[in-house]
N, C-alpha and C. Protein backbone atom coordinates (compact mmCIF):
# COMPACT_ATOMS: atom_id res chain seq x y z
N MET A 1 0.84 -1.17 0.00
CA MET A 1 0.00 0.00 0.00
C MET A 1 0.89 1.25 0.00
N THR A 2 0.62 2.16 -0.89
CA THR A 2 1.38 3.40 -0.98
C THR A 2 0.60 4.51 -0.29
N VAL A 3 1.27 5.21 0.60
CA VAL A 3 0.65 6.33 1.31
C VAL A 3 1.26 7.61 0.77
N LYS A 4 0.40 8.53 0.35
CA LYS A 4 0.88 9.82 -0.16
C LYS A 4 0.54 10.91 0.84
N PRO A 5 1.39 11.92 0.97
CA PRO A 5 1.10 13.04 1.86
C PRO A 5 -0.17 13.78 1.40
N LEU A 6 -0.87 14.37 2.35
CA LEU A 6 -2.10 15.09 2.06
C LEU A 6 -1.87 16.20 1.04
N ALA A 7 -0.72 16.84 1.09
CA ALA A 7 -0.42 17.92 0.15
C ALA A 7 -0.40 17.43 -1.29
N VAL A 8 -0.01 16.18 -1.51
CA VAL A 8 0.00 15.62 -2.87
C VAL A 8 -1.43 15.39 -3.33
N LEU A 9 -2.27 14.92 -2.44
CA LEU A 9 -3.65 14.64 -2.79
C LEU A 9 -4.47 15.89 -3.02
N ASN A 10 -4.10 17.01 -2.42
CA ASN A 10 -4.85 18.25 -2.53
C ASN A 10 -4.46 19.10 -3.73
N LYS A 11 -3.69 18.57 -4.63
CA LYS A 11 -3.25 19.28 -5.83
C LYS A 11 -2.36 20.47 -5.47
N ALA A 12 -1.16 20.43 -5.95
CA ALA A 12 -0.15 21.45 -5.61
C ALA A 12 -0.56 22.85 -6.02
N HIS A 13 -1.30 22.99 -7.14
CA HIS A 13 -1.64 24.34 -7.59
C HIS A 13 -2.56 25.05 -6.61
N LYS A 14 -3.34 24.32 -5.82
CA LYS A 14 -4.20 24.94 -4.82
C LYS A 14 -3.39 25.49 -3.66
N MET A 15 -2.24 24.92 -3.42
CA MET A 15 -1.44 25.31 -2.26
C MET A 15 -0.45 26.42 -2.59
N ARG A 16 -0.29 26.76 -3.85
CA ARG A 16 0.67 27.79 -4.24
C ARG A 16 0.08 29.18 -3.98
N VAL A 17 0.89 30.06 -3.44
CA VAL A 17 0.47 31.44 -3.22
C VAL A 17 0.55 32.17 -4.55
N PRO A 18 -0.50 32.91 -4.94
CA PRO A 18 -0.47 33.61 -6.22
C PRO A 18 0.42 34.85 -6.15
N PHE A 19 1.72 34.65 -6.14
CA PHE A 19 2.68 35.75 -6.04
C PHE A 19 3.24 36.04 -7.42
N GLU A 20 3.17 37.28 -7.82
CA GLU A 20 3.72 37.68 -9.11
C GLU A 20 5.21 38.00 -8.93
N LEU A 21 6.03 37.34 -9.72
CA LEU A 21 7.48 37.50 -9.58
C LEU A 21 7.93 38.88 -10.04
N LYS A 22 8.99 39.35 -9.44
CA LYS A 22 9.58 40.63 -9.83
C LYS A 22 10.55 40.40 -10.99
N GLN A 23 10.96 41.49 -11.61
CA GLN A 23 11.88 41.40 -12.73
C GLN A 23 13.17 40.72 -12.29
N GLY A 24 13.63 39.75 -13.08
CA GLY A 24 14.86 39.04 -12.79
C GLY A 24 14.68 37.78 -11.97
N GLN A 25 13.45 37.51 -11.51
CA GLN A 25 13.18 36.32 -10.70
C GLN A 25 12.57 35.22 -11.57
N THR A 26 12.91 33.98 -11.25
CA THR A 26 12.31 32.83 -11.93
C THR A 26 11.83 31.84 -10.89
N ARG A 27 10.79 31.09 -11.25
CA ARG A 27 10.21 30.07 -10.36
C ARG A 27 10.47 28.70 -10.98
N VAL A 28 11.04 27.81 -10.18
CA VAL A 28 11.34 26.45 -10.61
C VAL A 28 10.64 25.51 -9.64
N SER A 29 10.09 24.41 -10.15
CA SER A 29 9.43 23.43 -9.30
C SER A 29 10.13 22.09 -9.48
N HIS A 30 10.48 21.45 -8.37
CA HIS A 30 11.12 20.14 -8.39
C HIS A 30 10.21 19.14 -7.71
N GLN A 31 10.03 17.97 -8.32
CA GLN A 31 9.21 16.94 -7.69
C GLN A 31 10.10 16.03 -6.85
N LEU A 32 9.73 15.87 -5.59
CA LEU A 32 10.45 15.02 -4.66
C LEU A 32 9.97 13.58 -4.79
N PRO A 33 10.72 12.59 -4.30
CA PRO A 33 10.30 11.19 -4.38
C PRO A 33 8.94 10.93 -3.74
N SER A 34 8.54 11.74 -2.76
CA SER A 34 7.25 11.56 -2.10
C SER A 34 6.09 12.01 -2.98
N GLY A 35 6.38 12.71 -4.07
CA GLY A 35 5.33 13.24 -4.93
C GLY A 35 5.08 14.72 -4.69
N LEU A 36 5.61 15.25 -3.61
CA LEU A 36 5.46 16.68 -3.32
C LEU A 36 6.32 17.50 -4.27
N ASN A 37 5.86 18.68 -4.58
CA ASN A 37 6.65 19.61 -5.38
C ASN A 37 7.25 20.65 -4.45
N ILE A 38 8.51 20.94 -4.65
CA ILE A 38 9.18 21.99 -3.88
C ILE A 38 9.42 23.16 -4.83
N GLU A 39 8.99 24.33 -4.41
CA GLU A 39 9.13 25.53 -5.23
C GLU A 39 10.41 26.25 -4.85
N VAL A 40 11.12 26.72 -5.86
CA VAL A 40 12.33 27.52 -5.64
C VAL A 40 12.18 28.79 -6.48
N ILE A 41 12.31 29.93 -5.83
CA ILE A 41 12.35 31.21 -6.55
C ILE A 41 13.80 31.66 -6.52
N GLU A 42 14.33 31.94 -7.70
CA GLU A 42 15.74 32.34 -7.77
C GLU A 42 15.88 33.70 -8.42
N GLN A 43 16.91 34.40 -8.00
CA GLN A 43 17.27 35.68 -8.60
C GLN A 43 18.78 35.76 -8.63
N LYS A 44 19.31 35.85 -9.83
CA LYS A 44 20.76 35.90 -10.02
C LYS A 44 21.28 37.30 -9.70
N SER A 45 22.55 37.35 -9.34
CA SER A 45 23.16 38.63 -8.97
C SER A 45 23.24 39.57 -10.16
N VAL A 46 23.23 40.83 -9.84
CA VAL A 46 23.40 41.87 -10.85
C VAL A 46 24.89 42.10 -10.98
N THR A 47 25.40 42.17 -12.19
CA THR A 47 26.83 42.37 -12.41
C THR A 47 27.25 43.74 -11.89
N SER A 48 28.25 43.74 -11.07
CA SER A 48 28.74 44.98 -10.48
C SER A 48 29.59 45.76 -11.48
N LYS A 49 29.42 47.08 -11.49
CA LYS A 49 30.23 47.94 -12.35
C LYS A 49 31.41 48.53 -11.59
N ASP A 50 31.46 48.26 -10.29
CA ASP A 50 32.55 48.75 -9.45
C ASP A 50 33.79 47.90 -9.72
N PRO A 51 34.91 48.49 -10.18
CA PRO A 51 36.10 47.70 -10.50
C PRO A 51 36.70 46.96 -9.31
N ASP A 52 36.46 47.45 -8.08
CA ASP A 52 37.01 46.79 -6.90
C ASP A 52 36.31 45.47 -6.59
N THR A 53 35.04 45.34 -6.94
CA THR A 53 34.28 44.13 -6.62
C THR A 53 33.90 43.32 -7.86
N LYS A 54 34.38 43.74 -9.02
CA LYS A 54 33.98 43.09 -10.27
C LYS A 54 34.37 41.61 -10.32
N ASN A 55 35.55 41.26 -9.87
CA ASN A 55 36.02 39.87 -9.94
C ASN A 55 35.79 39.10 -8.63
N GLU A 56 35.16 39.74 -7.67
CA GLU A 56 34.92 39.10 -6.37
C GLU A 56 33.77 38.11 -6.49
N LYS A 57 34.03 36.85 -6.13
CA LYS A 57 33.00 35.80 -6.17
C LYS A 57 32.33 35.71 -4.81
N ARG A 58 31.04 35.91 -4.77
CA ARG A 58 30.29 35.85 -3.52
C ARG A 58 29.51 34.54 -3.46
N PRO A 59 29.33 34.00 -2.27
CA PRO A 59 28.60 32.73 -2.14
C PRO A 59 27.11 32.92 -2.42
N PRO A 60 26.44 31.88 -2.91
CA PRO A 60 24.99 31.99 -3.09
C PRO A 60 24.29 32.00 -1.73
N LEU A 61 23.14 32.65 -1.66
CA LEU A 61 22.36 32.71 -0.43
C LEU A 61 21.09 31.89 -0.60
N VAL A 62 20.76 31.09 0.41
CA VAL A 62 19.53 30.28 0.40
C VAL A 62 18.64 30.79 1.53
N PHE A 63 17.40 31.12 1.20
CA PHE A 63 16.44 31.64 2.16
C PHE A 63 15.38 30.59 2.44
N VAL A 64 15.15 30.31 3.72
CA VAL A 64 14.15 29.31 4.14
C VAL A 64 13.14 30.01 5.04
N HIS A 65 11.88 29.88 4.72
CA HIS A 65 10.80 30.55 5.46
C HIS A 65 10.46 29.84 6.76
N GLY A 66 9.65 30.48 7.58
CA GLY A 66 9.14 29.89 8.81
C GLY A 66 7.70 29.41 8.60
N SER A 67 7.01 29.16 9.69
CA SER A 67 5.63 28.65 9.62
C SER A 67 4.70 29.60 8.88
N TYR A 68 3.80 29.00 8.13
CA TYR A 68 2.72 29.71 7.43
C TYR A 68 3.23 30.72 6.41
N HIS A 69 4.40 30.48 5.86
CA HIS A 69 4.94 31.32 4.81
C HIS A 69 5.46 30.43 3.69
N ALA A 70 6.00 31.04 2.67
CA ALA A 70 6.59 30.32 1.55
C ALA A 70 7.70 31.20 0.96
N ALA A 71 8.23 30.80 -0.18
CA ALA A 71 9.35 31.53 -0.79
C ALA A 71 9.00 32.98 -1.11
N TRP A 72 7.72 33.27 -1.33
CA TRP A 72 7.31 34.63 -1.68
C TRP A 72 7.72 35.65 -0.62
N CYS A 73 7.79 35.24 0.66
CA CYS A 73 8.11 36.21 1.72
C CYS A 73 9.52 36.77 1.56
N TRP A 74 10.41 36.01 0.93
CA TRP A 74 11.77 36.49 0.68
C TRP A 74 11.86 37.21 -0.67
N ALA A 75 11.04 36.77 -1.63
CA ALA A 75 11.11 37.31 -2.99
C ALA A 75 10.63 38.76 -3.06
N GLU A 76 9.82 39.15 -2.10
CA GLU A 76 9.26 40.50 -2.12
C GLU A 76 10.34 41.58 -1.99
N HIS A 77 11.21 41.48 -1.00
CA HIS A 77 12.21 42.53 -0.75
C HIS A 77 13.65 42.04 -0.69
N TRP A 78 13.86 40.88 -0.07
CA TRP A 78 15.23 40.46 0.24
C TRP A 78 15.99 39.91 -0.96
N LEU A 79 15.34 39.15 -1.82
CA LEU A 79 16.05 38.64 -3.00
C LEU A 79 16.55 39.79 -3.88
N PRO A 80 15.70 40.79 -4.20
CA PRO A 80 16.21 41.92 -4.99
C PRO A 80 17.35 42.68 -4.30
N PHE A 81 17.24 42.85 -2.99
CA PHE A 81 18.28 43.58 -2.25
C PHE A 81 19.63 42.89 -2.35
N PHE A 82 19.65 41.59 -2.05
CA PHE A 82 20.93 40.87 -2.07
C PHE A 82 21.43 40.61 -3.49
N ALA A 83 20.53 40.44 -4.46
CA ALA A 83 20.96 40.28 -5.85
C ALA A 83 21.63 41.56 -6.34
N ASP A 84 21.09 42.70 -5.94
CA ASP A 84 21.72 43.98 -6.30
C ASP A 84 23.07 44.15 -5.61
N SER A 85 23.29 43.42 -4.52
CA SER A 85 24.57 43.48 -3.79
C SER A 85 25.57 42.44 -4.29
N GLY A 86 25.20 41.68 -5.34
CA GLY A 86 26.14 40.75 -5.95
C GLY A 86 26.00 39.30 -5.55
N PHE A 87 24.90 38.93 -4.90
CA PHE A 87 24.69 37.54 -4.47
C PHE A 87 23.64 36.85 -5.34
N ASP A 88 23.88 35.59 -5.72
CA ASP A 88 22.84 34.76 -6.32
C ASP A 88 21.95 34.31 -5.17
N CYS A 89 20.62 34.43 -5.32
CA CYS A 89 19.70 34.16 -4.22
C CYS A 89 18.69 33.08 -4.60
N TYR A 90 18.39 32.21 -3.65
CA TYR A 90 17.43 31.12 -3.83
C TYR A 90 16.52 31.07 -2.61
N ALA A 91 15.21 31.08 -2.82
CA ALA A 91 14.24 30.96 -1.73
C ALA A 91 13.42 29.70 -1.99
N VAL A 92 13.29 28.84 -0.98
CA VAL A 92 12.56 27.58 -1.14
C VAL A 92 11.23 27.63 -0.38
N SER A 93 10.23 26.93 -0.93
CA SER A 93 8.94 26.77 -0.27
C SER A 93 8.85 25.33 0.22
N LEU A 94 8.74 25.16 1.52
CA LEU A 94 8.65 23.83 2.11
C LEU A 94 7.23 23.58 2.59
N LEU A 95 6.61 22.50 2.11
CA LEU A 95 5.27 22.14 2.56
C LEU A 95 5.40 21.27 3.79
N GLY A 96 4.88 21.73 4.90
CA GLY A 96 5.01 20.93 6.11
C GLY A 96 3.79 20.98 6.99
N GLN A 97 2.73 21.63 6.55
CA GLN A 97 1.55 21.76 7.38
C GLN A 97 0.32 21.31 6.65
């Protein structure tokens, strides 16, 4: 007998927050072995025109939300802020409730 999580049975599109992405952001969905889809909103860094930081490689940042939120809570303000500062940013939506 195969048991699927309730989130799989309730159709993933019903559980997605209708958040409109900002310029430079993309939404990717990955299916996990359990059948759940994990959403990732990514925003790549903006190329710096400052010659002092042009060749500086910065680590990617991963944003994980708390209860009753999803990736959209980071995509609103923080992904654009850090992308403008030269960081590649990734925000994940974890279904756990």
